[in-house]
N, C-alpha and C. Protein backbone atom coordinates (compact mmCIF):
# COMPACT_ATOMS: atom_id res chain seq x y z
N MET A 1 0.85 -1.20 0.00
CA MET A 1 0.00 0.00 0.00
C MET A 1 0.88 1.25 0.00
N ASP A 2 0.66 2.18 -0.94
CA ASP A 2 1.48 3.38 -0.96
C ASP A 2 0.98 4.39 0.08
N ARG A 3 1.78 5.45 0.29
CA ARG A 3 1.49 6.39 1.36
C ARG A 3 0.19 7.14 1.12
N ARG A 4 -0.08 7.48 -0.13
CA ARG A 4 -1.32 8.22 -0.43
C ARG A 4 -2.55 7.38 -0.05
N THR A 5 -2.53 6.08 -0.41
CA THR A 5 -3.65 5.20 -0.07
C THR A 5 -3.76 5.03 1.43
N ALA A 6 -2.62 4.88 2.13
CA ALA A 6 -2.65 4.71 3.58
C ALA A 6 -3.26 5.93 4.26
N ILE A 7 -2.91 7.12 3.81
CA ILE A 7 -3.45 8.34 4.41
C ILE A 7 -4.95 8.42 4.19
N ARG A 8 -5.41 8.06 3.00
CA ARG A 8 -6.85 8.08 2.75
C ARG A 8 -7.57 7.10 3.66
N ASN A 9 -6.98 5.92 3.86
CA ASN A 9 -7.61 4.93 4.72
C ASN A 9 -7.66 5.39 6.17
N ILE A 10 -6.57 6.00 6.66
CA ILE A 10 -6.56 6.53 8.01
C ILE A 10 -7.68 7.54 8.19
N SER A 11 -7.90 8.35 7.18
CA SER A 11 -8.86 9.44 7.31
C SER A 11 -10.28 8.93 7.46
N LEU A 12 -10.56 7.71 7.07
CA LEU A 12 -11.91 7.17 7.20
C LEU A 12 -12.35 7.13 8.65
N GLY A 13 -11.40 7.00 9.56
CA GLY A 13 -11.74 6.95 10.97
C GLY A 13 -11.85 8.29 11.64
N LEU A 14 -11.67 9.37 10.91
CA LEU A 14 -11.67 10.70 11.51
C LEU A 14 -12.92 11.50 11.17
N GLY A 15 -13.83 10.92 10.42
CA GLY A 15 -14.98 11.68 9.95
C GLY A 15 -15.96 12.06 11.03
N GLY A 16 -15.95 11.36 12.17
CA GLY A 16 -16.93 11.65 13.20
C GLY A 16 -16.47 12.63 14.24
N VAL A 17 -15.30 13.24 14.06
CA VAL A 17 -14.79 14.18 15.05
C VAL A 17 -15.62 15.46 15.02
N ALA A 18 -16.11 15.87 16.16
CA ALA A 18 -16.92 17.08 16.24
C ALA A 18 -16.03 18.31 16.33
N SER A 19 -16.38 19.35 15.60
CA SER A 19 -15.59 20.58 15.61
C SER A 19 -16.37 21.67 16.34
N THR A 20 -15.87 22.09 17.50
CA THR A 20 -16.49 23.16 18.24
C THR A 20 -16.09 24.50 17.62
N PRO A 21 -16.81 25.59 17.93
CA PRO A 21 -16.41 26.90 17.42
C PRO A 21 -14.98 27.26 17.78
N VAL A 22 -14.56 26.92 19.02
CA VAL A 22 -13.18 27.22 19.42
C VAL A 22 -12.20 26.47 18.53
N LEU A 23 -12.47 25.19 18.30
CA LEU A 23 -11.57 24.39 17.48
C LEU A 23 -11.53 24.91 16.05
N LEU A 24 -12.66 25.29 15.52
CA LEU A 24 -12.69 25.84 14.16
C LEU A 24 -11.85 27.11 14.06
N SER A 25 -11.89 27.94 15.10
CA SER A 25 -11.09 29.15 15.08
C SER A 25 -9.60 28.83 15.15
N LEU A 26 -9.24 27.77 15.87
CA LEU A 26 -7.84 27.36 15.94
C LEU A 26 -7.36 26.88 14.58
N LEU A 27 -8.20 26.11 13.91
CA LEU A 27 -7.83 25.63 12.58
C LEU A 27 -7.62 26.79 11.63
N ALA A 28 -8.48 27.77 11.71
CA ALA A 28 -8.39 28.91 10.79
C ALA A 28 -7.18 29.78 11.07
N SER A 29 -6.72 29.80 12.33
CA SER A 29 -5.63 30.70 12.69
C SER A 29 -4.26 30.05 12.61
N SER A 30 -4.19 28.76 12.32
CA SER A 30 -2.90 28.06 12.27
C SER A 30 -2.28 28.18 10.89
N THR A 31 -1.93 29.39 10.51
CA THR A 31 -1.47 29.62 9.15
C THR A 31 -0.11 30.30 9.08
N ALA A 32 0.60 30.35 10.20
CA ALA A 32 1.91 31.00 10.18
C ALA A 32 2.89 30.22 9.33
N ASN A 33 3.86 30.93 8.75
CA ASN A 33 4.88 30.28 7.94
C ASN A 33 5.67 29.30 8.79
N ALA A 34 5.82 28.07 8.30
CA ALA A 34 6.47 27.01 9.09
C ALA A 34 7.90 27.35 9.44
N ALA A 35 8.57 28.16 8.63
CA ALA A 35 9.98 28.46 8.87
C ALA A 35 10.17 29.61 9.86
N THR A 36 9.13 30.41 10.10
CA THR A 36 9.31 31.62 10.90
C THR A 36 8.36 31.72 12.09
N TRP A 37 7.46 30.77 12.27
CA TRP A 37 6.45 30.92 13.31
C TRP A 37 7.06 30.84 14.70
N LYS A 38 6.43 31.53 15.63
CA LYS A 38 6.85 31.52 17.02
C LYS A 38 5.70 30.97 17.85
N ALA A 39 5.97 29.94 18.62
CA ALA A 39 4.92 29.27 19.39
C ALA A 39 4.31 30.20 20.43
N GLU A 40 3.02 30.02 20.67
CA GLU A 40 2.32 30.78 21.70
C GLU A 40 2.45 30.10 23.06
N SER A 41 2.41 28.76 23.07
CA SER A 41 2.34 28.01 24.31
C SER A 41 3.60 27.21 24.61
N PHE A 42 4.33 26.83 23.58
CA PHE A 42 5.49 25.97 23.75
C PHE A 42 6.76 26.78 23.98
N SER A 43 7.69 26.18 24.72
CA SER A 43 9.04 26.73 24.78
C SER A 43 9.72 26.54 23.43
N VAL A 44 10.87 27.17 23.24
CA VAL A 44 11.60 27.02 21.99
C VAL A 44 11.99 25.56 21.77
N GLU A 45 12.41 24.88 22.85
CA GLU A 45 12.79 23.48 22.72
C GLU A 45 11.58 22.62 22.38
N LEU A 46 10.46 22.85 23.05
CA LEU A 46 9.27 22.04 22.79
C LEU A 46 8.76 22.28 21.37
N GLN A 47 8.83 23.51 20.90
CA GLN A 47 8.45 23.79 19.51
C GLN A 47 9.28 22.97 18.55
N HIS A 48 10.60 22.91 18.80
CA HIS A 48 11.48 22.13 17.92
C HIS A 48 11.13 20.64 17.97
N ILE A 49 10.93 20.12 19.17
CA ILE A 49 10.63 18.69 19.33
C ILE A 49 9.33 18.34 18.62
N VAL A 50 8.28 19.11 18.87
CA VAL A 50 6.98 18.82 18.25
C VAL A 50 7.08 18.92 16.73
N THR A 51 7.78 19.92 16.23
CA THR A 51 7.92 20.09 14.78
C THR A 51 8.63 18.89 14.16
N ARG A 52 9.69 18.43 14.78
CA ARG A 52 10.42 17.27 14.26
C ARG A 52 9.55 16.01 14.29
N LEU A 53 8.84 15.79 15.38
CA LEU A 53 8.01 14.59 15.50
C LEU A 53 6.87 14.61 14.47
N VAL A 54 6.24 15.75 14.31
CA VAL A 54 5.16 15.89 13.34
C VAL A 54 5.65 15.57 11.94
N ASP A 55 6.85 16.03 11.62
CA ASP A 55 7.42 15.77 10.29
C ASP A 55 7.73 14.30 10.09
N VAL A 56 8.12 13.61 11.16
CA VAL A 56 8.38 12.17 11.07
C VAL A 56 7.07 11.41 10.88
N ILE A 57 6.03 11.82 11.59
CA ILE A 57 4.76 11.10 11.55
C ILE A 57 4.08 11.22 10.18
N LEU A 58 4.06 12.42 9.61
CA LEU A 58 3.45 12.64 8.30
C LEU A 58 4.36 13.53 7.46
N PRO A 59 5.42 12.94 6.88
CA PRO A 59 6.32 13.74 6.05
C PRO A 59 5.70 14.11 4.72
N GLY A 60 6.19 15.17 4.13
CA GLY A 60 5.72 15.55 2.81
C GLY A 60 6.27 14.65 1.73
N SER A 61 5.53 14.49 0.66
CA SER A 61 5.97 13.69 -0.49
C SER A 61 5.26 14.26 -1.72
N SER A 62 4.63 13.40 -2.50
CA SER A 62 3.86 13.88 -3.65
C SER A 62 2.57 14.57 -3.20
N ILE A 63 2.22 14.40 -1.94
CA ILE A 63 1.08 15.10 -1.35
C ILE A 63 1.58 15.90 -0.15
N PRO A 64 0.84 16.88 0.31
CA PRO A 64 1.32 17.70 1.42
C PRO A 64 1.60 16.87 2.67
N GLY A 65 2.64 17.25 3.40
CA GLY A 65 2.93 16.65 4.70
C GLY A 65 2.37 17.51 5.81
N ALA A 66 2.57 17.06 7.05
CA ALA A 66 2.02 17.78 8.20
C ALA A 66 2.60 19.19 8.33
N LEU A 67 3.87 19.36 8.00
CA LEU A 67 4.46 20.70 8.08
C LEU A 67 3.88 21.63 7.02
N ASP A 68 3.48 21.07 5.90
CA ASP A 68 2.92 21.89 4.82
C ASP A 68 1.58 22.51 5.19
N VAL A 69 0.88 21.91 6.15
CA VAL A 69 -0.43 22.44 6.55
C VAL A 69 -0.40 22.94 7.99
N ASN A 70 0.81 23.26 8.50
CA ASN A 70 0.98 23.94 9.78
C ASN A 70 0.44 23.16 10.98
N VAL A 71 0.66 21.86 10.99
CA VAL A 71 0.19 21.06 12.11
C VAL A 71 0.87 21.42 13.43
N PRO A 72 2.20 21.70 13.47
CA PRO A 72 2.78 22.09 14.76
C PRO A 72 2.12 23.34 15.36
N GLN A 73 1.79 24.30 14.50
CA GLN A 73 1.11 25.50 14.98
C GLN A 73 -0.26 25.16 15.56
N PHE A 74 -0.95 24.23 14.91
CA PHE A 74 -2.26 23.79 15.37
C PHE A 74 -2.15 23.15 16.75
N ILE A 75 -1.17 22.27 16.95
CA ILE A 75 -0.99 21.59 18.24
C ILE A 75 -0.63 22.61 19.32
N ASP A 76 0.21 23.57 18.99
CA ASP A 76 0.56 24.63 19.93
C ASP A 76 -0.68 25.38 20.39
N LYS A 77 -1.57 25.69 19.46
CA LYS A 77 -2.79 26.42 19.82
C LYS A 77 -3.75 25.54 20.62
N LEU A 78 -3.80 24.25 20.32
CA LEU A 78 -4.64 23.35 21.11
C LEU A 78 -4.26 23.39 22.58
N TYR A 79 -2.96 23.31 22.82
CA TYR A 79 -2.51 23.29 24.22
C TYR A 79 -2.59 24.65 24.88
N GLY A 80 -2.57 25.71 24.10
CA GLY A 80 -2.70 27.02 24.69
C GLY A 80 -4.12 27.45 24.97
N HIS A 81 -5.09 26.90 24.22
CA HIS A 81 -6.46 27.42 24.29
C HIS A 81 -7.53 26.39 24.63
N LEU A 82 -7.23 25.11 24.47
CA LEU A 82 -8.32 24.13 24.55
C LEU A 82 -8.09 23.05 25.60
N PHE A 83 -6.89 22.58 25.76
CA PHE A 83 -6.64 21.43 26.63
C PHE A 83 -6.58 21.85 28.10
N SER A 84 -6.90 20.88 28.97
CA SER A 84 -6.93 21.14 30.40
C SER A 84 -5.52 21.32 30.97
N GLU A 85 -5.45 21.84 32.18
CA GLU A 85 -4.15 22.04 32.83
C GLU A 85 -3.43 20.72 33.04
N ILE A 86 -4.16 19.67 33.39
CA ILE A 86 -3.50 18.39 33.62
C ILE A 86 -2.98 17.81 32.32
N ASP A 87 -3.71 18.00 31.21
CA ASP A 87 -3.22 17.55 29.91
C ASP A 87 -1.98 18.33 29.51
N GLN A 88 -1.99 19.61 29.77
CA GLN A 88 -0.82 20.43 29.47
C GLN A 88 0.38 19.98 30.29
N ARG A 89 0.15 19.64 31.54
CA ARG A 89 1.25 19.20 32.41
C ARG A 89 1.81 17.86 31.95
N TYR A 90 0.93 16.91 31.62
CA TYR A 90 1.40 15.63 31.10
C TYR A 90 2.22 15.83 29.83
N PHE A 91 1.75 16.71 28.97
CA PHE A 91 2.42 16.96 27.70
C PHE A 91 3.81 17.53 27.93
N SER A 92 3.90 18.56 28.76
CA SER A 92 5.20 19.19 28.99
C SER A 92 6.14 18.28 29.77
N ASP A 93 5.62 17.54 30.75
CA ASP A 93 6.47 16.61 31.52
C ASP A 93 6.99 15.50 30.62
N GLY A 94 6.12 14.98 29.76
CA GLY A 94 6.55 13.93 28.84
C GLY A 94 7.59 14.42 27.86
N ALA A 95 7.43 15.66 27.41
CA ALA A 95 8.41 16.24 26.49
C ALA A 95 9.77 16.39 27.15
N VAL A 96 9.79 16.78 28.43
CA VAL A 96 11.05 16.93 29.17
C VAL A 96 11.76 15.59 29.28
N VAL A 97 11.01 14.54 29.61
CA VAL A 97 11.61 13.21 29.73
C VAL A 97 12.09 12.72 28.37
N PHE A 98 11.28 12.96 27.33
CA PHE A 98 11.68 12.58 25.98
C PHE A 98 12.97 13.28 25.57
N ALA A 99 13.07 14.57 25.88
CA ALA A 99 14.29 15.33 25.54
C ALA A 99 15.50 14.77 26.28
N GLY A 100 15.29 14.34 27.54
CA GLY A 100 16.38 13.73 28.29
C GLY A 100 16.83 12.42 27.67
N LYS A 101 15.87 11.60 27.22
CA LYS A 101 16.21 10.34 26.55
C LYS A 101 16.94 10.61 25.25
N PHE A 102 16.52 11.64 24.54
CA PHE A 102 17.17 12.00 23.28
C PHE A 102 18.65 12.32 23.53
N GLU A 103 18.90 13.16 24.52
CA GLU A 103 20.28 13.54 24.81
C GLU A 103 21.10 12.35 25.30
N GLN A 104 20.47 11.46 26.04
CA GLN A 104 21.15 10.26 26.52
C GLN A 104 21.58 9.36 25.35
N VAL A 105 20.73 9.25 24.35
CA VAL A 105 21.00 8.36 23.21
C VAL A 105 21.98 9.00 22.23
N PHE A 106 21.78 10.28 21.90
CA PHE A 106 22.54 10.90 20.82
C PHE A 106 23.65 11.83 21.29
N LYS A 107 23.76 12.04 22.60
CA LYS A 107 24.87 12.80 23.19
C LYS A 107 24.86 14.29 22.81
N HIS A 108 23.69 14.79 22.47
CA HIS A 108 23.55 16.23 22.27
C HIS A 108 22.08 16.59 22.50
N PRO A 109 21.78 17.85 22.78
CA PRO A 109 20.40 18.24 23.11
C PRO A 109 19.43 18.00 21.96
N ALA A 110 18.18 17.79 22.34
CA ALA A 110 17.13 17.60 21.33
C ALA A 110 17.00 18.82 20.43
N MET A 111 17.31 20.00 20.96
CA MET A 111 17.26 21.23 20.17
C MET A 111 18.17 21.16 18.95
N ASP A 112 19.23 20.36 19.05
CA ASP A 112 20.18 20.22 17.94
C ASP A 112 19.91 18.96 17.10
N GLY A 113 18.82 18.27 17.40
CA GLY A 113 18.54 17.00 16.74
C GLY A 113 17.94 17.16 15.36
N GLY A 114 18.31 16.26 14.47
CA GLY A 114 17.77 16.26 13.12
C GLY A 114 16.64 15.27 12.96
N ARG A 115 16.02 15.30 11.82
CA ARG A 115 14.85 14.47 11.56
C ARG A 115 15.15 12.99 11.71
N GLU A 116 16.30 12.53 11.20
CA GLU A 116 16.64 11.12 11.24
C GLU A 116 16.78 10.62 12.67
N GLU A 117 17.34 11.46 13.54
CA GLU A 117 17.49 11.06 14.93
C GLU A 117 16.13 10.95 15.61
N PHE A 118 15.26 11.90 15.36
CA PHE A 118 13.91 11.82 15.93
C PHE A 118 13.17 10.60 15.40
N GLN A 119 13.35 10.29 14.14
CA GLN A 119 12.71 9.12 13.56
C GLN A 119 13.19 7.85 14.24
N GLN A 120 14.49 7.75 14.48
CA GLN A 120 15.06 6.57 15.12
C GLN A 120 14.53 6.40 16.55
N LEU A 121 14.49 7.50 17.31
CA LEU A 121 14.02 7.41 18.69
C LEU A 121 12.53 7.11 18.74
N LEU A 122 11.76 7.76 17.88
CA LEU A 122 10.32 7.52 17.86
C LEU A 122 10.00 6.07 17.51
N LYS A 123 10.74 5.51 16.56
CA LYS A 123 10.53 4.12 16.17
C LYS A 123 10.72 3.19 17.36
N GLY A 124 11.70 3.51 18.21
CA GLY A 124 11.93 2.67 19.38
C GLY A 124 10.75 2.64 20.34
N TYR A 125 9.98 3.72 20.38
CA TYR A 125 8.83 3.77 21.28
C TYR A 125 7.57 3.14 20.68
N PHE A 126 7.53 2.99 19.37
CA PHE A 126 6.32 2.45 18.75
C PHE A 126 6.52 1.11 18.05
N ASP A 127 7.75 0.66 17.93
CA ASP A 127 8.01 -0.66 17.35
C ASP A 127 7.96 -1.69 18.48
N LEU A 128 6.74 -2.02 18.91
CA LEU A 128 6.52 -2.84 20.09
C LEU A 128 5.81 -4.15 19.74
N THR A 129 5.99 -5.13 20.60
CA THR A 129 5.22 -6.36 20.47
C THR A 129 3.77 -6.09 20.91
N GLU A 130 2.89 -6.99 20.57
CA GLU A 130 1.49 -6.82 20.97
C GLU A 130 1.36 -6.78 22.49
N ARG A 131 2.14 -7.59 23.16
CA ARG A 131 2.10 -7.62 24.63
C ARG A 131 2.57 -6.29 25.21
N GLU A 132 3.63 -5.73 24.64
CA GLU A 132 4.14 -4.44 25.11
C GLU A 132 3.12 -3.33 24.85
N GLN A 133 2.47 -3.38 23.70
CA GLN A 133 1.44 -2.38 23.40
C GLN A 133 0.30 -2.45 24.41
N ASP A 134 -0.13 -3.65 24.72
CA ASP A 134 -1.22 -3.82 25.68
C ASP A 134 -0.84 -3.23 27.04
N ARG A 135 0.40 -3.45 27.44
CA ARG A 135 0.86 -2.94 28.73
C ARG A 135 0.89 -1.41 28.73
N ILE A 136 1.38 -0.83 27.64
CA ILE A 136 1.45 0.63 27.56
C ILE A 136 0.05 1.23 27.61
N PHE A 137 -0.88 0.69 26.83
CA PHE A 137 -2.22 1.25 26.79
C PHE A 137 -2.97 1.03 28.10
N ALA A 138 -2.68 -0.08 28.78
CA ALA A 138 -3.28 -0.30 30.10
C ALA A 138 -2.78 0.75 31.08
N GLN A 139 -1.51 1.10 30.99
CA GLN A 139 -0.96 2.16 31.84
C GLN A 139 -1.63 3.50 31.54
N GLN A 140 -1.84 3.78 30.26
CA GLN A 140 -2.38 5.08 29.87
C GLN A 140 -3.80 5.29 30.38
N ASP A 141 -4.49 4.22 30.72
CA ASP A 141 -5.85 4.33 31.25
C ASP A 141 -5.86 4.68 32.73
N LYS A 142 -4.69 4.70 33.36
CA LYS A 142 -4.60 4.96 34.79
C LYS A 142 -4.21 6.42 35.04
N ASN A 143 -4.37 6.84 36.28
CA ASN A 143 -3.87 8.14 36.71
C ASN A 143 -2.41 8.01 37.10
N LEU A 144 -1.69 9.12 37.02
CA LEU A 144 -0.27 9.09 37.35
C LEU A 144 -0.02 8.59 38.76
N ALA A 145 -0.91 8.93 39.68
CA ALA A 145 -0.75 8.51 41.08
C ALA A 145 -0.79 7.00 41.23
N ASP A 146 -1.39 6.31 40.28
CA ASP A 146 -1.51 4.85 40.36
C ASP A 146 -0.38 4.12 39.65
N ILE A 147 0.56 4.86 39.09
CA ILE A 147 1.66 4.27 38.35
C ILE A 147 2.85 4.05 39.29
N GLU A 148 3.49 2.89 39.17
CA GLU A 148 4.69 2.61 39.97
C GLU A 148 5.77 3.63 39.67
N ALA A 149 6.57 3.94 40.68
CA ALA A 149 7.60 4.98 40.54
C ALA A 149 8.53 4.71 39.37
N ASP A 150 8.91 3.45 39.16
CA ASP A 150 9.84 3.12 38.07
C ASP A 150 9.22 3.29 36.69
N ASP A 151 7.89 3.38 36.62
CA ASP A 151 7.20 3.48 35.33
C ASP A 151 6.71 4.88 35.01
N LYS A 152 6.93 5.83 35.91
CA LYS A 152 6.36 7.17 35.71
C LYS A 152 6.94 7.87 34.49
N ASP A 153 8.25 7.72 34.26
CA ASP A 153 8.84 8.38 33.09
C ASP A 153 8.25 7.85 31.80
N ILE A 154 8.14 6.53 31.69
CA ILE A 154 7.61 5.95 30.46
C ILE A 154 6.13 6.30 30.30
N TYR A 155 5.43 6.43 31.41
CA TYR A 155 4.02 6.81 31.39
C TYR A 155 3.84 8.20 30.77
N VAL A 156 4.62 9.18 31.24
CA VAL A 156 4.44 10.55 30.72
C VAL A 156 5.02 10.69 29.31
N ILE A 157 6.04 9.90 28.97
CA ILE A 157 6.54 9.94 27.60
C ILE A 157 5.45 9.51 26.62
N TYR A 158 4.74 8.44 26.96
CA TYR A 158 3.67 7.99 26.07
C TYR A 158 2.47 8.93 26.09
N LYS A 159 2.21 9.59 27.21
CA LYS A 159 1.18 10.63 27.21
C LYS A 159 1.52 11.69 26.17
N PHE A 160 2.78 12.07 26.14
CA PHE A 160 3.25 13.07 25.20
C PHE A 160 3.23 12.57 23.76
N LEU A 161 3.84 11.41 23.52
CA LEU A 161 3.97 10.92 22.15
C LEU A 161 2.63 10.55 21.54
N LEU A 162 1.76 9.93 22.31
CA LEU A 162 0.44 9.56 21.78
C LEU A 162 -0.39 10.81 21.48
N SER A 163 -0.25 11.84 22.30
CA SER A 163 -0.96 13.09 22.04
C SER A 163 -0.44 13.74 20.77
N VAL A 164 0.88 13.76 20.59
CA VAL A 164 1.43 14.34 19.36
C VAL A 164 0.92 13.57 18.15
N ARG A 165 0.94 12.26 18.22
CA ARG A 165 0.49 11.45 17.08
C ARG A 165 -1.00 11.68 16.78
N GLU A 166 -1.82 11.64 17.82
CA GLU A 166 -3.26 11.82 17.62
C GLU A 166 -3.58 13.20 17.04
N ASN A 167 -2.96 14.23 17.59
CA ASN A 167 -3.29 15.58 17.15
C ASN A 167 -2.62 15.94 15.83
N THR A 168 -1.54 15.24 15.48
CA THR A 168 -0.99 15.39 14.14
C THR A 168 -1.99 14.92 13.10
N LEU A 169 -2.56 13.74 13.31
CA LEU A 169 -3.56 13.22 12.39
C LEU A 169 -4.81 14.10 12.36
N PHE A 170 -5.22 14.53 13.54
CA PHE A 170 -6.42 15.38 13.64
C PHE A 170 -6.22 16.69 12.89
N GLY A 171 -5.11 17.37 13.17
CA GLY A 171 -4.85 18.64 12.51
C GLY A 171 -4.67 18.49 11.01
N TYR A 172 -4.04 17.41 10.61
CA TYR A 172 -3.79 17.18 9.19
C TYR A 172 -5.09 16.98 8.42
N PHE A 173 -5.93 16.09 8.90
CA PHE A 173 -7.13 15.74 8.15
C PHE A 173 -8.25 16.76 8.29
N THR A 174 -8.12 17.70 9.20
CA THR A 174 -9.11 18.77 9.29
C THR A 174 -8.60 20.06 8.64
N SER A 175 -7.44 20.01 8.02
CA SER A 175 -6.91 21.19 7.33
C SER A 175 -7.61 21.36 5.97
N GLU A 176 -7.75 22.59 5.56
CA GLU A 176 -8.43 22.89 4.29
C GLU A 176 -7.67 22.30 3.10
N ARG A 177 -6.35 22.42 3.13
CA ARG A 177 -5.58 21.96 1.97
C ARG A 177 -5.71 20.47 1.76
N VAL A 178 -5.63 19.69 2.84
CA VAL A 178 -5.77 18.24 2.71
C VAL A 178 -7.19 17.89 2.29
N GLY A 179 -8.16 18.60 2.85
CA GLY A 179 -9.55 18.35 2.47
C GLY A 179 -9.79 18.53 1.00
N LYS A 180 -9.08 19.49 0.39
CA LYS A 180 -9.30 19.78 -1.02
C LYS A 180 -8.37 19.01 -1.95
N GLU A 181 -7.14 18.75 -1.51
CA GLU A 181 -6.14 18.18 -2.41
C GLU A 181 -5.90 16.68 -2.23
N VAL A 182 -6.18 16.14 -1.05
CA VAL A 182 -5.89 14.73 -0.78
C VAL A 182 -7.16 13.90 -0.73
N LEU A 183 -8.16 14.39 -0.04
CA LEU A 183 -9.43 13.67 0.07
C LEU A 183 -10.36 14.06 -1.07
N ASN A 184 -11.43 13.31 -1.25
CA ASN A 184 -12.46 13.72 -2.20
C ASN A 184 -13.12 15.01 -1.71
N TYR A 185 -13.33 15.93 -2.61
CA TYR A 185 -13.88 17.23 -2.23
C TYR A 185 -14.96 17.64 -3.22
N ASP A 186 -16.14 17.88 -2.69
CA ASP A 186 -17.24 18.36 -3.52
C ASP A 186 -18.03 19.38 -2.70
N PRO A 187 -17.76 20.67 -2.89
CA PRO A 187 -18.42 21.69 -2.05
C PRO A 187 -19.92 21.76 -2.24
N ILE A 188 -20.42 21.29 -3.38
CA ILE A 188 -21.86 21.33 -3.63
C ILE A 188 -22.32 19.94 -4.10
N PRO A 189 -22.46 18.99 -3.17
CA PRO A 189 -22.91 17.65 -3.58
C PRO A 189 -24.31 17.70 -4.17
N GLU A 190 -24.51 16.95 -5.23
CA GLU A 190 -25.79 17.06 -5.96
C GLU A 190 -26.76 15.94 -5.63
N THR A 191 -26.25 14.73 -5.43
CA THR A 191 -27.16 13.60 -5.22
C THR A 191 -26.71 12.77 -4.04
N TYR A 192 -27.61 11.96 -3.53
CA TYR A 192 -27.29 11.02 -2.45
C TYR A 192 -27.71 9.63 -2.89
N ASP A 193 -26.76 8.71 -2.80
CA ASP A 193 -27.05 7.31 -3.10
C ASP A 193 -26.54 6.49 -1.92
N GLY A 194 -27.46 5.92 -1.18
CA GLY A 194 -27.09 5.20 0.04
C GLY A 194 -26.70 3.76 -0.18
N CYS A 195 -26.62 3.32 -1.41
CA CYS A 195 -26.29 1.91 -1.67
C CYS A 195 -25.22 1.84 -2.76
N VAL A 196 -23.99 2.16 -2.38
CA VAL A 196 -22.87 2.16 -3.31
C VAL A 196 -21.77 1.26 -2.74
N PRO A 197 -21.22 0.34 -3.52
CA PRO A 197 -20.13 -0.50 -3.01
C PRO A 197 -18.96 0.36 -2.55
N LEU A 198 -18.35 -0.04 -1.43
CA LEU A 198 -17.24 0.73 -0.87
C LEU A 198 -16.11 0.89 -1.89
N ALA A 199 -15.88 -0.14 -2.70
CA ALA A 199 -14.78 -0.08 -3.69
C ALA A 199 -15.01 1.03 -4.71
N ASP A 200 -16.28 1.43 -4.92
CA ASP A 200 -16.58 2.46 -5.91
C ASP A 200 -16.44 3.88 -5.37
N ILE A 201 -16.25 3.99 -4.06
CA ILE A 201 -16.24 5.34 -3.45
C ILE A 201 -14.92 6.03 -3.70
N GLY A 202 -13.82 5.28 -3.66
CA GLY A 202 -12.51 5.90 -3.86
C GLY A 202 -11.99 6.51 -2.58
N ASN A 203 -11.52 7.75 -2.68
CA ASN A 203 -10.94 8.43 -1.52
C ASN A 203 -12.02 8.65 -0.45
N ALA A 204 -11.55 8.83 0.80
CA ALA A 204 -12.44 9.32 1.83
C ALA A 204 -12.87 10.74 1.46
N TRP A 205 -14.04 11.13 1.95
CA TRP A 205 -14.58 12.46 1.60
C TRP A 205 -14.27 13.46 2.68
N THR A 206 -14.06 14.70 2.26
CA THR A 206 -13.82 15.79 3.19
C THR A 206 -15.09 16.06 3.99
């Protein structure tokens, strides 16, 4: 399966996401130039880390990547305007631990890290056996207070990484450019046919 087909298939699961007025305003305002934008909520280091991870998760190719549609800016605004204080704390704490692991592995700060290094480290956290995945997700269903002391770092790292991954996909598939250029787009649908084979539909619809 090529990347374009995989992205269309992923998008099929995102059609039921509800967009509040606040969220719609965040989507509309996430238009700063990717090379010059300054984060509202993130530190300089966190902005760099999130930008690198977003680029690894959905890189640009023959179709727009996450950086092309300003996904890091969108995530920054989510955490500044929409997410709860505890979500913000988990996110920032997980990013700090992730940055520490990065420096431990590559012997230099995450601020100086390149895309390939972030890709290598991220792969280590998601290239898991089914048993390991089950354990991680079982942990994520708990509160931090219920996590064993030795597991707290890995708990907040996954809080951070899973949030980045989820909101990368969310921001990407709710962007105007992807809606028009990657998915099927028809601003004025003319007919409705409720009995069409799935194979005949083609791309997911915006």
